[in-house]
PDB file of N, CA and C in Angstrom:
ATOM      1  N   UNK A   1     109.318 -42.823  -3.003  1.00  0.00           N
ATOM      2  CA  UNK A   1     108.858 -44.101  -3.453  1.00  0.00           C
ATOM      3  C   UNK A   1     107.659 -43.886  -4.375  1.00  0.00           C
ATOM      4  N   UNK A   2     107.641 -44.599  -5.484  1.00  0.00           N
ATOM      5  CA  UNK A   2     106.583 -44.459  -6.462  1.00  0.00           C
ATOM      6  C   UNK A   2     105.364 -45.294  -6.077  1.00  0.00           C
ATOM      7  N   UNK A   3     104.159 -44.653  -6.160  1.00  0.00           N
ATOM      8  CA  UNK A   3     102.909 -45.322  -5.955  1.00  0.00           C
ATOM      9  C   UNK A   3     101.986 -45.046  -7.118  1.00  0.00           C
ATOM     10  N   UNK A   4     101.291 -46.068  -7.599  1.00  0.00           N
ATOM     11  CA  UNK A   4     100.297 -45.859  -8.645  1.00  0.00           C
ATOM     12  C   UNK A   4      99.174 -44.927  -8.163  1.00  0.00           C
ATOM     13  N   UNK A   5      98.651 -44.104  -9.029  1.00  0.00           N
ATOM     14  CA  UNK A   5      97.528 -43.235  -8.704  1.00  0.00           C
ATOM     15  C   UNK A   5      96.501 -43.342  -9.803  1.00  0.00           C
ATOM     16  N   UNK A   6      95.226 -43.477  -9.446  1.00  0.00           N
ATOM     17  CA  UNK A   6      94.187 -43.634 -10.471  1.00  0.00           C
ATOM     18  C   UNK A   6      94.050 -42.502 -11.453  1.00  0.00           C
ATOM     19  N   UNK A   7      94.488 -41.307 -11.092  1.00  0.00           N
ATOM     20  CA  UNK A   7      94.355 -40.180 -11.998  1.00  0.00           C
ATOM     21  C   UNK A   7      95.417 -40.168 -13.098  1.00  0.00           C
ATOM     22  N   UNK A   8      96.444 -40.985 -12.966  1.00  0.00           N
ATOM     23  CA  UNK A   8      97.537 -41.010 -13.941  1.00  0.00           C
ATOM     24  C   UNK A   8      97.672 -42.392 -14.510  1.00  0.00           C
ATOM     25  N   UNK A   9      97.639 -42.464 -15.842  1.00  0.00           N
ATOM     26  CA  UNK A   9      97.787 -43.750 -16.519  1.00  0.00           C
ATOM     27  C   UNK A   9      99.234 -44.122 -16.594  1.00  0.00           C
ATOM     28  N   UNK A  10      99.529 -45.320 -16.232  1.00  0.00           N
ATOM     29  CA  UNK A  10     100.896 -45.840 -16.267  1.00  0.00           C
ATOM     30  C   UNK A  10     101.150 -46.329 -17.712  1.00  0.00           C
ATOM     31  N   UNK A  11     102.298 -45.985 -18.329  1.00  0.00           N
ATOM     32  CA  UNK A  11     102.610 -46.466 -19.675  1.00  0.00           C
ATOM     33  C   UNK A  11     102.653 -47.987 -19.695  1.00  0.00           C
ATOM     34  N   UNK A  12     102.216 -48.565 -20.823  1.00  0.00           N
ATOM     35  CA  UNK A  12     102.273 -50.038 -20.957  1.00  0.00           C
ATOM     36  C   UNK A  12     103.673 -50.542 -21.114  1.00  0.00           C
ATOM     37  N   UNK A  13     104.532 -49.739 -21.723  1.00  0.00           N
ATOM     38  CA  UNK A  13     105.933 -50.079 -21.939  1.00  0.00           C
ATOM     39  C   UNK A  13     106.770 -49.483 -20.786  1.00  0.00           C
ATOM     40  N   UNK A  14     107.331 -50.325 -19.931  1.00  0.00           N
ATOM     41  CA  UNK A  14     108.122 -49.766 -18.816  1.00  0.00           C
ATOM     42  C   UNK A  14     109.451 -49.216 -19.248  1.00  0.00           C
ATOM     43  N   UNK A  15     109.864 -49.448 -20.476  1.00  0.00           N
ATOM     44  CA  UNK A  15     111.152 -48.941 -20.967  1.00  0.00           C
ATOM     45  C   UNK A  15     110.998 -47.692 -21.810  1.00  0.00           C
ATOM     46  N   UNK A  16     109.804 -47.081 -21.752  1.00  0.00           N
ATOM     47  CA  UNK A  16     109.544 -45.907 -22.575  1.00  0.00           C
ATOM     48  C   UNK A  16     110.363 -44.695 -22.069  1.00  0.00           C
ATOM     49  N   UNK A  17     110.813 -43.869 -22.991  1.00  0.00           N
ATOM     50  CA  UNK A  17     111.570 -42.665 -22.607  1.00  0.00           C
ATOM     51  C   UNK A  17     110.676 -41.419 -22.726  1.00  0.00           C
ATOM     52  N   UNK A  18     111.000 -40.452 -21.916  1.00  0.00           N
ATOM     53  CA  UNK A  18     110.289 -39.179 -21.985  1.00  0.00           C
ATOM     54  C   UNK A  18     111.227 -38.164 -22.652  1.00  0.00           C
ATOM     55  N   UNK A  19     110.734 -37.550 -23.718  1.00  0.00           N
ATOM     56  CA  UNK A  19     111.549 -36.603 -24.483  1.00  0.00           C
ATOM     57  C   UNK A  19     111.004 -35.221 -24.330  1.00  0.00           C
ATOM     58  N   UNK A  20     111.939 -34.253 -24.196  1.00  0.00           N
ATOM     59  CA  UNK A  20     111.548 -32.864 -24.128  1.00  0.00           C
ATOM     60  C   UNK A  20     112.669 -32.085 -24.812  1.00  0.00           C
ATOM     61  N   UNK A  21     112.303 -31.360 -25.849  1.00  0.00           N
ATOM     62  CA  UNK A  21     113.314 -30.579 -26.597  1.00  0.00           C
ATOM     63  C   UNK A  21     113.446 -29.235 -25.939  1.00  0.00           C
ATOM     64  N   UNK A  22     114.675 -28.750 -25.855  1.00  0.00           N
ATOM     65  CA  UNK A  22     114.963 -27.475 -25.300  1.00  0.00           C
ATOM     66  C   UNK A  22     116.174 -26.859 -26.002  1.00  0.00           C
ATOM     67  N   UNK A  23     116.361 -25.567 -25.871  1.00  0.00           N
ATOM     68  CA  UNK A  23     117.500 -24.963 -26.499  1.00  0.00           C
ATOM     69  C   UNK A  23     118.790 -25.232 -25.711  1.00  0.00           C
ATOM     70  N   UNK A  24     119.934 -24.945 -26.313  1.00  0.00           N
ATOM     71  CA  UNK A  24     121.240 -25.239 -25.720  1.00  0.00           C
ATOM     72  C   UNK A  24     121.439 -24.488 -24.397  1.00  0.00           C
ATOM     73  N   UNK A  25     120.985 -23.225 -24.330  1.00  0.00           N
ATOM     74  CA  UNK A  25     121.210 -22.441 -23.118  1.00  0.00           C
ATOM     75  C   UNK A  25     120.452 -23.056 -21.943  1.00  0.00           C
ATOM     76  N   UNK A  26     119.273 -23.570 -22.147  1.00  0.00           N
ATOM     77  CA  UNK A  26     118.521 -24.186 -21.074  1.00  0.00           C
ATOM     78  C   UNK A  26     119.174 -25.534 -20.630  1.00  0.00           C
ATOM     79  N   UNK A  27     119.696 -26.265 -21.602  1.00  0.00           N
ATOM     80  CA  UNK A  27     120.359 -27.492 -21.275  1.00  0.00           C
ATOM     81  C   UNK A  27     121.594 -27.223 -20.447  1.00  0.00           C
ATOM     82  N   UNK A  28     122.382 -26.233 -20.809  1.00  0.00           N
ATOM     83  CA  UNK A  28     123.581 -25.855 -20.049  1.00  0.00           C
ATOM     84  C   UNK A  28     123.180 -25.409 -18.639  1.00  0.00           C
ATOM     85  N   UNK A  29     122.120 -24.631 -18.556  1.00  0.00           N
ATOM     86  CA  UNK A  29     121.667 -24.152 -17.247  1.00  0.00           C
ATOM     87  C   UNK A  29     121.253 -25.351 -16.377  1.00  0.00           C
ATOM     88  N   UNK A  30     120.517 -26.285 -16.966  1.00  0.00           N
ATOM     89  CA  UNK A  30     120.110 -27.508 -16.252  1.00  0.00           C
ATOM     90  C   UNK A  30     121.295 -28.268 -15.675  1.00  0.00           C
ATOM     91  N   UNK A  31     122.311 -28.434 -16.515  1.00  0.00           N
ATOM     92  CA  UNK A  31     123.522 -29.173 -16.069  1.00  0.00           C
ATOM     93  C   UNK A  31     124.297 -28.395 -15.036  1.00  0.00           C
ATOM     94  N   UNK A  32     124.417 -27.091 -15.203  1.00  0.00           N
ATOM     95  CA  UNK A  32     125.205 -26.256 -14.310  1.00  0.00           C
ATOM     96  C   UNK A  32     124.549 -26.078 -12.939  1.00  0.00           C
ATOM     97  N   UNK A  33     123.273 -25.765 -12.935  1.00  0.00           N
ATOM     98  CA  UNK A  33     122.593 -25.452 -11.659  1.00  0.00           C
ATOM     99  C   UNK A  33     121.840 -26.672 -11.069  1.00  0.00           C
ATOM    100  N   UNK A  34     121.736 -27.750 -11.839  1.00  0.00           N
ATOM    101  CA  UNK A  34     121.061 -28.963 -11.437  1.00  0.00           C
ATOM    102  C   UNK A  34     119.644 -28.652 -10.967  1.00  0.00           C
ATOM    103  N   UNK A  35     118.943 -27.800 -11.727  1.00  0.00           N
ATOM    104  CA  UNK A  35     117.548 -27.465 -11.449  1.00  0.00           C
ATOM    105  C   UNK A  35     116.835 -27.170 -12.717  1.00  0.00           C
ATOM    106  N   UNK A  36     115.517 -27.349 -12.705  1.00  0.00           N
ATOM    107  CA  UNK A  36     114.712 -27.085 -13.893  1.00  0.00           C
ATOM    108  C   UNK A  36     114.352 -25.648 -13.989  1.00  0.00           C
ATOM    109  N   UNK A  37     114.145 -25.161 -15.194  1.00  0.00           N
ATOM    110  CA  UNK A  37     113.750 -23.801 -15.492  1.00  0.00           C
ATOM    111  C   UNK A  37     112.228 -23.777 -15.653  1.00  0.00           C
ATOM    112  N   UNK A  38     111.534 -22.900 -14.951  1.00  0.00           N
ATOM    113  CA  UNK A  38     110.125 -22.677 -15.128  1.00  0.00           C
ATOM    114  C   UNK A  38     109.867 -21.221 -15.385  1.00  0.00           C
ATOM    115  N   UNK A  39     109.256 -20.928 -16.500  1.00  0.00           N
ATOM    116  CA  UNK A  39     108.920 -19.570 -16.860  1.00  0.00           C
ATOM    117  C   UNK A  39     107.821 -19.060 -15.941  1.00  0.00           C
ATOM    118  N   UNK A  40     107.838 -17.769 -15.601  1.00  0.00           N
ATOM    119  CA  UNK A  40     106.759 -17.176 -14.856  1.00  0.00           C
ATOM    120  C   UNK A  40     105.483 -17.301 -15.687  1.00  0.00           C
ATOM    121  N   UNK A  41     104.388 -17.668 -15.020  1.00  0.00           N
ATOM    122  CA  UNK A  41     103.141 -17.886 -15.776  1.00  0.00           C
ATOM    123  C   UNK A  41     102.606 -16.611 -16.370  1.00  0.00           C
ATOM    124  N   UNK A  42     102.910 -15.450 -15.845  1.00  0.00           N
ATOM    125  CA  UNK A  42     102.436 -14.204 -16.437  1.00  0.00           C
ATOM    126  C   UNK A  42     103.187 -13.824 -17.732  1.00  0.00           C
ATOM    127  N   UNK A  43     104.275 -14.552 -17.971  1.00  0.00           N
ATOM    128  CA  UNK A  43     105.039 -14.299 -19.230  1.00  0.00           C
ATOM    129  C   UNK A  43     104.664 -15.270 -20.334  1.00  0.00           C
ATOM    130  N   UNK A  44     103.799 -16.237 -20.086  1.00  0.00           N
ATOM    131  CA  UNK A  44     103.392 -17.200 -21.081  1.00  0.00           C
ATOM    132  C   UNK A  44     102.341 -16.575 -22.012  1.00  0.00           C
ATOM    133  N   UNK A  45     102.270 -17.048 -23.249  1.00  0.00           N
ATOM    134  CA  UNK A  45     101.349 -16.456 -24.192  1.00  0.00           C
ATOM    135  C   UNK A  45      99.861 -16.680 -23.888  1.00  0.00           C
ATOM    136  N   UNK A  46      99.496 -17.716 -23.133  1.00  0.00           N
ATOM    137  CA  UNK A  46      98.125 -17.994 -22.788  1.00  0.00           C
ATOM    138  C   UNK A  46      97.729 -17.186 -21.561  1.00  0.00           C
ATOM    139  N   UNK A  47      96.821 -16.231 -21.738  1.00  0.00           N
ATOM    140  CA  UNK A  47      96.466 -15.344 -20.662  1.00  0.00           C
ATOM    141  C   UNK A  47      95.723 -16.045 -19.526  1.00  0.00           C
ATOM    142  N   UNK A  48      95.221 -17.282 -19.772  1.00  0.00           N
ATOM    143  CA  UNK A  48      94.527 -18.016 -18.755  1.00  0.00           C
ATOM    144  C   UNK A  48      95.411 -19.036 -18.050  1.00  0.00           C
ATOM    145  N   UNK A  49      96.675 -19.075 -18.384  1.00  0.00           N
ATOM    146  CA  UNK A  49      97.602 -19.997 -17.767  1.00  0.00           C
ATOM    147  C   UNK A  49      97.672 -19.756 -16.253  1.00  0.00           C
ATOM    148  N   UNK A  50      97.423 -20.761 -15.481  1.00  0.00           N
ATOM    149  CA  UNK A  50      97.511 -20.665 -14.023  1.00  0.00           C
ATOM    150  C   UNK A  50      96.268 -20.087 -13.388  1.00  0.00           C
ATOM    151  N   UNK A  51      95.233 -19.742 -14.196  1.00  0.00           N
ATOM    152  CA  UNK A  51      94.008 -19.207 -13.566  1.00  0.00           C
ATOM    153  C   UNK A  51      93.091 -20.325 -13.208  1.00  0.00           C
ATOM    154  N   UNK A  52      92.145 -20.056 -12.364  1.00  0.00           N
ATOM    155  CA  UNK A  52      91.153 -21.029 -11.923  1.00  0.00           C
ATOM    156  C   UNK A  52      89.885 -20.907 -12.757  1.00  0.00           C
ATOM    157  N   UNK A  53      89.245 -22.049 -13.118  1.00  0.00           N
ATOM    158  CA  UNK A  53      87.980 -21.985 -13.813  1.00  0.00           C
ATOM    159  C   UNK A  53      86.908 -21.339 -12.933  1.00  0.00           C
ATOM    160  N   UNK A  54      85.924 -20.698 -13.564  1.00  0.00           N
ATOM    161  CA  UNK A  54      84.858 -20.022 -12.824  1.00  0.00           C
ATOM    162  C   UNK A  54      84.130 -20.977 -11.878  1.00  0.00           C
ATOM    163  N   UNK A  55      83.898 -22.211 -12.327  1.00  0.00           N
ATOM    164  CA  UNK A  55      83.247 -23.213 -11.478  1.00  0.00           C
ATOM    165  C   UNK A  55      84.040 -23.512 -10.212  1.00  0.00           C
ATOM    166  N   UNK A  56      85.358 -23.552 -10.332  1.00  0.00           N
ATOM    167  CA  UNK A  56      86.188 -23.811  -9.149  1.00  0.00           C
ATOM    168  C   UNK A  56      86.086 -22.648  -8.169  1.00  0.00           C
ATOM    169  N   UNK A  57      86.076 -21.420  -8.691  1.00  0.00           N
ATOM    170  CA  UNK A  57      85.950 -20.243  -7.793  1.00  0.00           C
ATOM    171  C   UNK A  57      84.632 -20.262  -7.063  1.00  0.00           C
ATOM    172  N   UNK A  58      83.556 -20.581  -7.802  1.00  0.00           N
ATOM    173  CA  UNK A  58      82.231 -20.646  -7.178  1.00  0.00           C
ATOM    174  C   UNK A  58      82.157 -21.761  -6.099  1.00  0.00           C
ATOM    175  N   UNK A  59      82.766 -22.890  -6.407  1.00  0.00           N
ATOM    176  CA  UNK A  59      82.796 -24.003  -5.464  1.00  0.00           C
ATOM    177  C   UNK A  59      83.534 -23.572  -4.175  1.00  0.00           C
ATOM    178  N   UNK A  60      84.643 -22.879  -4.319  1.00  0.00           N
ATOM    179  CA  UNK A  60      85.418 -22.427  -3.163  1.00  0.00           C
ATOM    180  C   UNK A  60      84.564 -21.504  -2.285  1.00  0.00           C
ATOM    181  N   UNK A  61      83.813 -20.595  -2.931  1.00  0.00           N
ATOM    182  CA  UNK A  61      82.938 -19.709  -2.189  1.00  0.00           C
ATOM    183  C   UNK A  61      81.891 -20.497  -1.375  1.00  0.00           C
ATOM    184  N   UNK A  62      81.304 -21.482  -2.037  1.00  0.00           N
ATOM    185  CA  UNK A  62      80.268 -22.278  -1.351  1.00  0.00           C
ATOM    186  C   UNK A  62      80.861 -23.052  -0.196  1.00  0.00           C
ATOM    187  N   UNK A  63      82.039 -23.621  -0.368  1.00  0.00           N
ATOM    188  CA  UNK A  63      82.694 -24.360   0.700  1.00  0.00           C
ATOM    189  C   UNK A  63      83.046 -23.416   1.873  1.00  0.00           C
ATOM    190  N   UNK A  64      83.523 -22.251   1.530  1.00  0.00           N
ATOM    191  CA  UNK A  64      83.876 -21.271   2.534  1.00  0.00           C
ATOM    192  C   UNK A  64      82.641 -20.846   3.369  1.00  0.00           C
ATOM    193  N   UNK A  65      81.517 -20.641   2.676  1.00  0.00           N
ATOM    194  CA  UNK A  65      80.274 -20.296   3.366  1.00  0.00           C
ATOM    195  C   UNK A  65      79.825 -21.371   4.299  1.00  0.00           C
ATOM    196  N   UNK A  66      79.943 -22.608   3.888  1.00  0.00           N
ATOM    197  CA  UNK A  66      79.538 -23.750   4.732  1.00  0.00           C
ATOM    198  C   UNK A  66      80.443 -23.857   5.955  1.00  0.00           C
ATOM    199  N   UNK A  67      81.732 -23.612   5.723  1.00  0.00           N
ATOM    200  CA  UNK A  67      82.684 -23.666   6.842  1.00  0.00           C
ATOM    201  C   UNK A  67      82.385 -22.576   7.875  1.00  0.00           C
ATOM    202  N   UNK A  68      82.100 -21.389   7.359  1.00  0.00           N
ATOM    203  CA  UNK A  68      81.758 -20.273   8.256  1.00  0.00           C
ATOM    204  C   UNK A  68      80.477 -20.548   9.043  1.00  0.00           C
ATOM    205  N   UNK A  69      79.499 -21.181   8.416  1.00  0.00           N
ATOM    206  CA  UNK A  69      78.267 -21.566   9.091  1.00  0.00           C
ATOM    207  C   UNK A  69      78.535 -22.559  10.207  1.00  0.00           C
ATOM    208  N   UNK A  70      79.443 -23.509   9.918  1.00  0.00           N
ATOM    209  CA  UNK A  70      79.799 -24.536  10.921  1.00  0.00           C
ATOM    210  C   UNK A  70      80.537 -23.896  12.092  1.00  0.00           C
ATOM    211  N   UNK A  71      81.398 -22.925  11.817  1.00  0.00           N
ATOM    212  CA  UNK A  71      82.126 -22.214  12.866  1.00  0.00           C
ATOM    213  C   UNK A  71      81.141 -21.456  13.737  1.00  0.00           C
ATOM    214  N   UNK A  72      80.197 -20.745  13.089  1.00  0.00           N
ATOM    215  CA  UNK A  72      79.190 -19.990  13.837  1.00  0.00           C
ATOM    216  C   UNK A  72      78.327 -20.841  14.717  1.00  0.00           C
ATOM    217  N   UNK A  73      77.939 -22.017  14.177  1.00  0.00           N
ATOM    218  CA  UNK A  73      77.092 -22.949  14.952  1.00  0.00           C
ATOM    219  C   UNK A  73      77.871 -23.571  16.118  1.00  0.00           C
ATOM    220  N   UNK A  74      79.159 -23.757  15.892  1.00  0.00           N
ATOM    221  CA  UNK A  74      80.042 -24.301  16.953  1.00  0.00           C
ATOM    222  C   UNK A  74      80.194 -23.297  18.076  1.00  0.00           C
ATOM    223  N   UNK A  75      80.247 -22.011  17.781  1.00  0.00           N
ATOM    224  CA  UNK A  75      80.437 -20.965  18.757  1.00  0.00           C
ATOM    225  C   UNK A  75      79.196 -20.866  19.672  1.00  0.00           C
ATOM    226  N   UNK A  76      78.035 -21.306  19.202  1.00  0.00           N
ATOM    227  CA  UNK A  76      76.809 -21.231  19.983  1.00  0.00           C
ATOM    228  C   UNK A  76      76.809 -22.221  21.141  1.00  0.00           C
ATOM    229  N   UNK A  77      77.616 -23.250  21.064  1.00  0.00           N
ATOM    230  CA  UNK A  77      77.643 -24.256  22.117  1.00  0.00           C
ATOM    231  C   UNK A  77      78.424 -23.714  23.259  1.00  0.00           C
TER     232      UNK A  77
END
């Protein structure tokens, strides 16, 4: 079931089509296997594809440290 989400803008025209061009081999594969093709991210030309920004990595470290502190303080009880 579709639900609106504030992070995604809904098109103003409800009859709008989504277009994606692909080669014939991929189209045949889509029809034959009834599944989408996704290239491995390490084969894409952008070396940063799929990587996390440095700020995200730092934030994860900080959250992990806080969680560990909470676990340690919980064990004291």
